[in-house]
């Protein structure tokens, strides 16, 4: 009988470190030695970058809840997976208040003396650690040093194992012609001394390079710190100090990227990792004026709403998108960047959505490779005309016809 099996009880709910930095040795032990012998277990994990090891617990009737399923859970869902509508900040608040019950945590950490630092994902780790009955940690034996961030004593841990491999990381998004044009248009919108958040998606692959070319001073207050962050720092534009970062200029909740990014991370002191309770708090972010949130989305409705296309009911939750968009809409700009068409040639500007992740009031700009639509102070009709104007030329007439016919679902 393993130590982890002794700690986990029937009916327990456990938090697991975010995907690309998940404790893979602990997860294998969980699947092999715990899941077959316990009833009605629940798990909470942000699945970004995950190899899918945790999904195997569904074979034993257990469930996984996630606000960010990433690519592991498609439009049709996955067995045992519950998609949460909560944002990251809302998840943190639910854990802190006890609304989201947690009995245990399985975390990946770095060790420095008698202190353990959640790494590479801080996001929900500390609040989960505070609420849990038992704490199991996997210490990275070989990997980048931990940036500045929160920690806890090794004596507060119930079960500790040494990792056999470093975090999996995340591959950098490749640039293409559309992303280069989108990046340049986004950079034109960002004012000097802005505090910027940058999401993930191929539409955003060229934004950092375009911001460096623009040469405007910035700070970074974001969720995922990755290769794009290195581009900004090495490009010399990340110069605005942040009091909440101890005078530094980069705050994030997760540090994941390519192998070269992790090498860079080990050699820099530019990055501070913080909890979602801080880094994704709209009230705090909105006060860092001008705060600019730059994100992508599956599709954008012609009203400016963001979500899932008609006929698709399940898909990525809001994650940090809602938190950052609220801050941007009230404290600066909330930009949604999308390629005009999908990989299959379908328009990503659509007449209607089946699921709304962001209302139009939380989107100030929509950017495609064909232009930037400023939606502030516009009527619904004006928004539709502006968005049709930046759709792919092959789809504009059809979008206008759909609107004239009452906006039939396409």
Protein backbone atom coordinates (compact mmCIF):
# COMPACT_ATOMS: atom_id res chain seq x y z
CA UNK A 1 0.00 0.00 0.00
CA UNK A 2 1.45 3.36 -1.02
CA UNK A 3 1.43 6.50 1.09
CA UNK A 4 -0.84 8.32 -1.37
CA UNK A 5 -3.38 5.52 -1.14
CA UNK A 6 -3.41 5.91 2.64
CA UNK A 7 -4.16 9.64 2.38
CA UNK A 8 -7.04 9.54 -0.11
CA UNK A 9 -10.47 8.58 1.23
CA UNK A 10 -13.69 7.64 -0.53
CA UNK A 11 -15.50 10.76 -1.72
CA UNK A 12 -12.45 13.04 -1.52
CA UNK A 13 -12.06 15.99 -3.88
CA UNK A 14 -8.46 16.81 -4.84
CA UNK A 15 -6.78 19.69 -6.64
CA UNK A 16 -4.03 18.85 -9.16
CA UNK A 17 -1.38 21.31 -10.44
CA UNK A 18 -2.07 22.85 -13.83
CA UNK A 19 -1.52 20.61 -16.86
CA UNK A 20 1.89 21.45 -18.32
CA UNK A 21 3.35 21.52 -14.82
CA UNK A 22 1.36 18.64 -13.38
CA UNK A 23 2.95 16.10 -10.97
CA UNK A 24 3.26 13.23 -13.41
CA UNK A 25 4.79 10.74 -10.96
CA UNK A 26 2.02 11.38 -8.42
CA UNK A 27 -0.63 11.10 -11.12
CA UNK A 28 0.69 7.74 -12.25
CA UNK A 29 0.60 6.54 -8.66
CA UNK A 30 -2.90 7.94 -8.30
CA UNK A 31 -4.18 6.09 -11.37
CA UNK A 32 -2.39 2.86 -10.50
CA UNK A 33 -2.74 2.64 -6.74
CA UNK A 34 -5.64 4.87 -5.69
CA UNK A 35 -8.33 5.28 -8.37
CA UNK A 36 -9.19 1.54 -8.61
CA UNK A 37 -9.63 1.22 -4.84
CA UNK A 38 -11.61 4.36 -3.92
CA UNK A 39 -15.20 5.38 -4.65
CA UNK A 40 -16.62 8.65 -5.89
CA UNK A 41 -13.44 10.73 -6.11
CA UNK A 42 -13.47 14.21 -7.63
CA UNK A 43 -10.59 16.21 -9.09
CA UNK A 44 -10.11 19.86 -10.02
CA UNK A 45 -7.45 20.73 -12.59
CA UNK A 46 -6.72 23.39 -15.18
CA UNK A 47 -5.89 21.07 -18.07
CA UNK A 48 -3.70 23.48 -20.11
CA UNK A 49 -0.73 21.53 -21.40
CA UNK A 50 -1.72 18.28 -19.70
CA UNK A 51 -0.69 14.92 -21.11
CA UNK A 52 -4.10 13.59 -20.07
CA UNK A 53 -2.90 11.27 -17.32
CA UNK A 54 -5.62 12.44 -14.92
CA UNK A 55 -8.37 11.67 -17.45
CA UNK A 56 -7.73 7.96 -16.83
CA UNK A 57 -9.45 8.18 -13.42
CA UNK A 58 -12.75 8.38 -15.34
CA UNK A 59 -12.25 4.68 -16.16
CA UNK A 60 -12.98 3.99 -12.49
CA UNK A 61 -16.06 6.22 -12.26
CA UNK A 62 -14.34 9.31 -10.86
CA UNK A 63 -14.90 12.87 -12.15
CA UNK A 64 -12.72 15.79 -13.18
CA UNK A 65 -13.81 19.43 -13.09
CA UNK A 66 -11.94 22.03 -15.13
CA UNK A 67 -12.41 25.70 -16.04
CA UNK A 68 -9.89 25.32 -18.90
CA UNK A 69 -10.03 21.99 -20.77
CA UNK A 70 -7.57 23.05 -23.49
CA UNK A 71 -7.20 20.61 -26.38
CA UNK A 72 -7.88 17.47 -24.35
CA UNK A 73 -11.64 17.93 -24.23
CA UNK A 74 -13.26 18.59 -27.58
CA UNK A 75 -16.64 20.00 -28.50
CA UNK A 76 -18.31 16.74 -27.54
CA UNK A 77 -16.78 16.68 -24.06
CA UNK A 78 -14.99 13.69 -22.53
CA UNK A 79 -16.10 10.93 -20.14
CA UNK A 80 -16.03 12.04 -16.54
CA UNK A 81 -15.12 15.68 -17.31
CA UNK A 82 -17.25 18.57 -16.02
CA UNK A 83 -16.62 21.91 -17.73
CA UNK A 84 -16.92 24.79 -15.28
CA UNK A 85 -18.18 28.21 -16.29
CA UNK A 86 -16.21 29.85 -13.48
CA UNK A 87 -13.27 32.10 -14.27
CA UNK A 88 -9.91 31.52 -12.60
CA UNK A 89 -10.55 34.26 -10.04
CA UNK A 90 -13.98 32.80 -9.32
CA UNK A 91 -12.43 29.35 -8.86
CA UNK A 92 -9.96 30.79 -6.35
CA UNK A 93 -12.77 32.51 -4.44
CA UNK A 94 -14.87 29.33 -4.40
CA UNK A 95 -11.96 27.35 -2.93
CA UNK A 96 -11.14 30.02 -0.35
CA UNK A 97 -14.76 30.24 0.84
CA UNK A 98 -15.29 26.48 0.96
CA UNK A 99 -17.96 26.57 -1.74
CA UNK A 100 -15.57 24.39 -3.76
CA UNK A 101 -14.70 21.64 -1.31
CA UNK A 102 -11.12 20.34 -1.42
CA UNK A 103 -9.74 17.51 0.67
CA UNK A 104 -6.31 17.11 -0.87
CA UNK A 105 -3.75 18.60 -3.23
CA UNK A 106 -1.23 17.05 -5.62
CA UNK A 107 1.30 19.75 -6.49
CA UNK A 108 4.53 20.17 -8.41
CA UNK A 109 7.06 22.26 -6.47
CA UNK A 110 10.66 23.46 -6.34
CA UNK A 111 12.60 23.14 -3.09
CA UNK A 112 14.90 25.71 -1.51
CA UNK A 113 16.10 24.57 1.90
CA UNK A 114 13.04 23.90 4.03
CA UNK A 115 10.72 25.92 1.76
CA UNK A 116 8.66 24.59 -1.13
CA UNK A 117 7.60 26.84 -4.01
CA UNK A 118 4.64 25.84 -6.23
CA UNK A 119 6.17 25.73 -9.70
CA UNK A 120 5.64 26.12 -12.60
CA UNK A 121 1.98 26.80 -11.68
CA UNK A 122 1.02 28.99 -8.73
CA UNK A 123 -2.50 29.94 -9.94
CA UNK A 124 -4.78 27.98 -7.56
CA UNK A 125 -2.06 26.05 -5.72
CA UNK A 126 -1.73 28.13 -2.56
CA UNK A 127 -5.44 28.58 -1.84
CA UNK A 128 -5.94 24.85 -2.47
CA UNK A 129 -3.01 24.04 -0.17
CA UNK A 130 -4.58 26.15 2.59
CA UNK A 131 -7.93 24.35 2.40
CA UNK A 132 -6.73 20.76 1.96
CA UNK A 133 -6.70 18.04 4.61
CA UNK A 134 -3.67 16.36 3.04
CA UNK A 135 -0.85 17.69 0.85
CA UNK A 136 1.16 15.56 -1.59
CA UNK A 137 3.97 17.22 -3.54
CA UNK A 138 6.35 16.23 -6.31
CA UNK A 139 9.72 18.02 -6.16
CA UNK A 140 11.24 18.82 -9.53
CA UNK A 141 14.65 17.17 -9.49
CA UNK A 142 15.94 18.79 -12.67
CA UNK A 143 14.52 21.93 -14.15
CA UNK A 144 14.47 25.71 -13.99
CA UNK A 145 14.81 27.55 -10.72
CA UNK A 146 11.60 28.95 -9.29
CA UNK A 147 10.90 32.63 -9.93
CA UNK A 148 9.89 34.81 -7.04
CA UNK A 149 6.59 33.67 -5.61
CA UNK A 150 4.72 32.23 -2.61
CA UNK A 151 5.98 29.21 -0.68
CA UNK A 152 5.20 26.95 2.29
CA UNK A 153 7.30 24.92 4.79
CA UNK A 154 8.26 21.38 3.86
CA UNK A 155 6.95 20.36 7.29
CA UNK A 156 3.40 21.12 6.15
CA UNK A 157 3.56 18.34 3.56
CA UNK A 158 2.17 14.86 4.18
CA UNK A 159 3.76 13.06 1.23
CA UNK A 160 6.79 14.06 -0.83
CA UNK A 161 8.30 12.39 -3.88
CA UNK A 162 11.12 13.43 -6.21
CA UNK A 163 10.13 13.95 -9.81
CA UNK A 164 11.65 11.71 -12.45
CA UNK A 165 11.36 14.31 -15.22
CA UNK A 166 11.04 18.11 -15.57
CA UNK A 167 7.73 19.83 -16.43
CA UNK A 168 6.44 19.07 -19.90
CA UNK A 169 6.16 22.72 -20.92
CA UNK A 170 4.26 24.13 -23.89
CA UNK A 171 5.35 24.55 -27.48
CA UNK A 172 5.45 28.11 -28.79
CA UNK A 173 2.68 29.03 -31.23
CA UNK A 174 3.97 29.21 -34.84
CA UNK A 175 3.52 32.47 -36.71
CA UNK A 176 1.69 32.66 -40.03
CA UNK A 177 0.69 35.46 -42.40
CA UNK A 178 -2.59 36.11 -40.58
CA UNK A 179 -0.98 36.27 -37.14
CA UNK A 180 1.69 38.71 -38.39
CA UNK A 181 -1.01 41.10 -39.65
CA UNK A 182 -3.06 40.65 -36.47
CA UNK A 183 -0.01 41.28 -34.28
CA UNK A 184 0.76 44.54 -36.05
CA UNK A 185 -2.85 45.74 -35.69
CA UNK A 186 -2.96 44.86 -31.99
CA UNK A 187 0.35 46.66 -31.35
CA UNK A 188 -1.06 49.83 -32.92
CA UNK A 189 -3.83 49.83 -30.29
CA UNK A 190 -1.61 49.41 -27.21
CA UNK A 191 -0.73 52.77 -25.60
CA UNK A 192 2.64 53.55 -23.98
CA UNK A 193 3.11 52.39 -20.37
CA UNK A 194 0.28 49.89 -20.68
CA UNK A 195 0.07 46.86 -18.43
CA UNK A 196 -0.62 43.99 -20.81
CA UNK A 197 -2.18 40.54 -20.54
CA UNK A 198 -1.72 38.20 -23.47
CA UNK A 199 -3.69 34.99 -23.84
CA UNK A 200 -2.99 31.93 -25.98
CA UNK A 201 -3.92 31.00 -29.52
CA UNK A 202 -2.38 31.10 -32.97
CA UNK A 203 -3.92 34.50 -33.64
CA UNK A 204 -1.66 35.96 -30.93
CA UNK A 205 1.61 34.36 -32.05
CA UNK A 206 3.06 37.60 -33.46
CA UNK A 207 1.76 40.13 -30.94
CA UNK A 208 4.87 40.19 -28.75
CA UNK A 209 7.20 40.72 -31.69
CA UNK A 210 4.99 43.54 -32.96
CA UNK A 211 5.02 45.19 -29.53
CA UNK A 212 8.82 45.07 -29.48
CA UNK A 213 8.91 46.63 -32.96
CA UNK A 214 6.56 49.38 -31.74
CA UNK A 215 9.01 50.12 -28.91
CA UNK A 216 6.45 51.29 -26.35
CA UNK A 217 7.27 50.72 -22.64
CA UNK A 218 5.10 48.06 -20.97
CA UNK A 219 4.55 45.89 -17.95
CA UNK A 220 3.15 42.35 -17.99
CA UNK A 221 0.39 41.22 -15.60
CA UNK A 222 -0.95 38.01 -17.07
CA UNK A 223 -1.92 34.38 -16.56
CA UNK A 224 0.52 32.36 -18.65
CA UNK A 225 4.13 33.57 -18.76
CA UNK A 226 5.71 31.95 -21.80
CA UNK A 227 7.98 32.48 -24.81
CA UNK A 228 6.18 35.69 -25.72
CA UNK A 229 7.14 37.12 -22.32
CA UNK A 230 10.78 36.43 -23.02
CA UNK A 231 10.41 38.21 -26.38
CA UNK A 232 9.15 41.34 -24.63
CA UNK A 233 11.75 41.27 -21.86
CA UNK A 234 14.69 40.59 -24.18
CA UNK A 235 13.30 43.19 -26.58
CA UNK A 236 13.77 45.86 -23.90
CA UNK A 237 10.17 47.11 -23.76
CA UNK A 238 9.18 45.66 -20.37
CA UNK A 239 10.21 48.64 -18.26
CA UNK A 240 7.17 49.89 -16.34
CA UNK A 241 7.65 48.91 -12.66
CA UNK A 242 4.76 47.30 -10.76
CA UNK A 243 4.47 47.86 -7.01
CA UNK A 244 2.72 44.51 -6.65
CA UNK A 245 5.78 42.84 -8.19
CA UNK A 246 8.21 44.51 -5.81
CA UNK A 247 9.22 46.97 -8.50
CA UNK A 248 9.54 44.28 -11.16
CA UNK A 249 7.63 44.38 -14.42
CA UNK A 250 6.35 40.83 -15.01
CA UNK A 251 3.70 38.94 -13.02
CA UNK A 252 2.02 35.71 -14.04
CA UNK A 253 0.37 32.69 -12.46
CA UNK A 254 1.95 29.95 -14.61
CA UNK A 255 5.37 29.73 -16.31
CA UNK A 256 5.31 27.28 -19.20
CA UNK A 257 6.96 27.35 -22.58
CA UNK A 258 9.54 25.81 -24.86
CA UNK A 259 12.80 24.28 -23.65
CA UNK A 260 14.68 27.50 -24.47
CA UNK A 261 12.10 29.50 -22.50
CA UNK A 262 12.70 27.35 -19.42
CA UNK A 263 16.45 27.85 -19.79
CA UNK A 264 15.86 31.59 -19.94
CA UNK A 265 13.55 31.44 -16.94
CA UNK A 266 16.25 29.73 -14.88
CA UNK A 267 18.66 32.58 -15.60
CA UNK A 268 16.36 35.59 -15.09
CA UNK A 269 14.91 37.29 -12.03
CA UNK A 270 12.44 39.27 -14.15
CA UNK A 271 9.43 37.04 -13.43
CA UNK A 272 7.25 36.94 -10.32
CA UNK A 273 4.63 34.21 -10.00
CA UNK A 274 1.48 35.03 -8.06
CA UNK A 275 -1.83 33.44 -7.13
CA UNK A 276 -4.97 33.83 -9.20
CA UNK A 277 -6.42 35.64 -6.20
CA UNK A 278 -4.05 38.49 -7.10
CA UNK A 279 -2.90 38.11 -10.71
CA UNK A 280 -6.43 37.55 -12.03
CA UNK A 281 -8.31 39.95 -9.77
CA UNK A 282 -10.26 42.35 -12.03
CA UNK A 283 -10.46 45.03 -9.33
CA UNK A 284 -6.69 45.10 -8.95
CA UNK A 285 -5.99 44.86 -12.67
CA UNK A 286 -8.48 47.55 -13.61
CA UNK A 287 -6.60 49.98 -11.37
CA UNK A 288 -3.36 49.49 -13.31
CA UNK A 289 -4.47 51.94 -15.98
CA UNK A 290 -4.08 51.55 -18.86
CA UNK A 291 -4.64 47.80 -18.58
CA UNK A 292 -4.86 46.04 -21.94
CA UNK A 293 -6.22 42.50 -22.19
CA UNK A 294 -5.43 40.72 -25.47
CA UNK A 295 -7.11 37.37 -26.02
CA UNK A 296 -8.37 35.04 -28.71
CA UNK A 297 -11.61 33.07 -28.96
CA UNK A 298 -13.23 30.35 -31.07
CA UNK A 299 -15.67 32.77 -32.71
CA UNK A 300 -17.05 36.29 -32.33
CA UNK A 301 -20.69 37.16 -32.86
CA UNK A 302 -21.52 40.20 -34.99
CA UNK A 303 -22.70 41.96 -31.84
CA UNK A 304 -19.21 41.61 -30.34
CA UNK A 305 -20.08 38.75 -28.03
CA UNK A 306 -17.49 35.99 -27.67
CA UNK A 307 -18.16 32.28 -27.28
CA UNK A 308 -18.95 29.11 -29.19
CA UNK A 309 -20.49 28.80 -32.65
CA UNK A 310 -24.04 27.71 -33.36
CA UNK A 311 -24.53 23.97 -32.89
CA UNK A 312 -21.63 23.59 -30.43
CA UNK A 313 -22.77 23.32 -26.82
CA UNK A 314 -19.65 22.24 -24.97
CA UNK A 315 -16.21 23.76 -25.28
CA UNK A 316 -13.51 25.77 -23.53
CA UNK A 317 -14.66 27.57 -20.41
CA UNK A 318 -13.87 31.18 -19.67
CA UNK A 319 -10.74 30.46 -17.58
CA UNK A 320 -8.87 33.73 -17.13
CA UNK A 321 -10.60 35.33 -20.13
CA UNK A 322 -13.45 36.78 -18.09
CA UNK A 323 -11.19 38.17 -15.35
CA UNK A 324 -8.86 39.94 -17.78
CA UNK A 325 -11.60 41.16 -20.11
CA UNK A 326 -13.48 42.79 -17.23
CA UNK A 327 -10.30 44.58 -16.17
CA UNK A 328 -9.54 45.67 -19.72
CA UNK A 329 -13.06 46.88 -20.44
CA UNK A 330 -13.04 49.08 -17.34
CA UNK A 331 -9.35 49.95 -17.08
CA UNK A 332 -8.20 50.30 -20.68
CA UNK A 333 -8.83 47.94 -23.58
CA UNK A 334 -10.26 44.44 -23.99
CA UNK A 335 -9.09 43.17 -27.38
CA UNK A 336 -10.23 39.92 -28.99
CA UNK A 337 -8.03 38.80 -31.88
CA UNK A 338 -9.15 36.05 -34.27
CA UNK A 339 -8.13 34.90 -37.74
CA UNK A 340 -11.00 35.73 -40.08
CA UNK A 341 -11.48 32.06 -40.98
CA UNK A 342 -10.88 28.72 -39.30
CA UNK A 343 -8.51 26.05 -40.59
CA UNK A 344 -11.49 24.61 -42.50
CA UNK A 345 -12.37 27.94 -44.13
CA UNK A 346 -15.41 28.77 -41.97
CA UNK A 347 -15.89 32.37 -40.90
CA UNK A 348 -14.92 33.04 -37.27
CA UNK A 349 -17.22 36.07 -37.29
CA UNK A 350 -20.71 34.59 -37.04
CA UNK A 351 -24.33 35.77 -36.84
CA UNK A 352 -25.15 33.91 -33.62
CA UNK A 353 -23.49 31.98 -30.79
CA UNK A 354 -24.75 28.92 -28.96
CA UNK A 355 -22.77 29.73 -25.80
CA UNK A 356 -21.58 33.17 -24.67
CA UNK A 357 -18.33 33.48 -22.69
CA UNK A 358 -18.08 37.28 -22.88
CA UNK A 359 -20.88 39.79 -23.43
CA UNK A 360 -20.23 42.51 -25.98
CA UNK A 361 -19.92 45.10 -23.20
CA UNK A 362 -16.61 43.46 -22.19
CA UNK A 363 -15.07 43.68 -25.66
CA UNK A 364 -13.69 47.05 -26.80
CA UNK A 365 -11.98 45.85 -30.01
CA UNK A 366 -12.07 42.87 -32.36
CA UNK A 367 -9.04 42.38 -34.61
CA UNK A 368 -8.59 40.14 -37.65
CA UNK A 369 -5.97 40.24 -40.40
CA UNK A 370 -8.41 42.47 -42.32
CA UNK A 371 -8.70 45.25 -39.76
CA UNK A 372 -9.56 46.37 -36.23
CA UNK A 373 -13.13 47.13 -35.20
CA UNK A 374 -13.51 49.65 -32.36
CA UNK A 375 -16.81 48.71 -30.71
CA UNK A 376 -16.87 51.40 -28.04
CA UNK A 377 -19.89 53.68 -28.15
CA UNK A 378 -21.47 51.81 -31.06
CA UNK A 379 -25.04 50.69 -31.56
CA UNK A 380 -25.75 47.05 -32.33
CA UNK A 381 -26.18 47.87 -36.03
CA UNK A 382 -22.92 49.79 -36.13
CA UNK A 383 -21.09 46.92 -34.44
CA UNK A 384 -22.39 44.49 -37.05
CA UNK A 385 -21.22 46.69 -39.92
CA UNK A 386 -17.78 47.16 -38.37
CA UNK A 387 -17.33 43.45 -37.78
CA UNK A 388 -18.56 42.42 -41.23
CA UNK A 389 -16.00 44.87 -42.65
CA UNK A 390 -13.13 42.90 -41.05
CA UNK A 391 -14.48 39.45 -41.95
CA UNK A 392 -12.89 37.49 -44.77
CA UNK A 393 -14.04 39.05 -48.07
CA UNK A 394 -15.51 35.72 -49.20
CA UNK A 395 -17.91 35.72 -46.24
CA UNK A 396 -19.04 39.34 -46.03
CA UNK A 397 -22.01 39.12 -48.40
CA UNK A 398 -23.31 35.97 -46.69
CA UNK A 399 -23.01 37.62 -43.26
CA UNK A 400 -24.98 40.62 -44.49
CA UNK A 401 -27.67 38.35 -45.94
CA UNK A 402 -27.90 36.45 -42.66
CA UNK A 403 -28.40 39.72 -40.82
CA UNK A 404 -31.06 40.87 -43.27
CA UNK A 405 -32.87 37.54 -42.77
CA UNK A 406 -32.98 38.03 -39.03
CA UNK A 407 -29.58 36.64 -38.15
CA UNK A 408 -30.29 33.00 -38.84
CA UNK A 409 -27.87 30.58 -37.23
CA UNK A 410 -25.06 29.71 -39.61
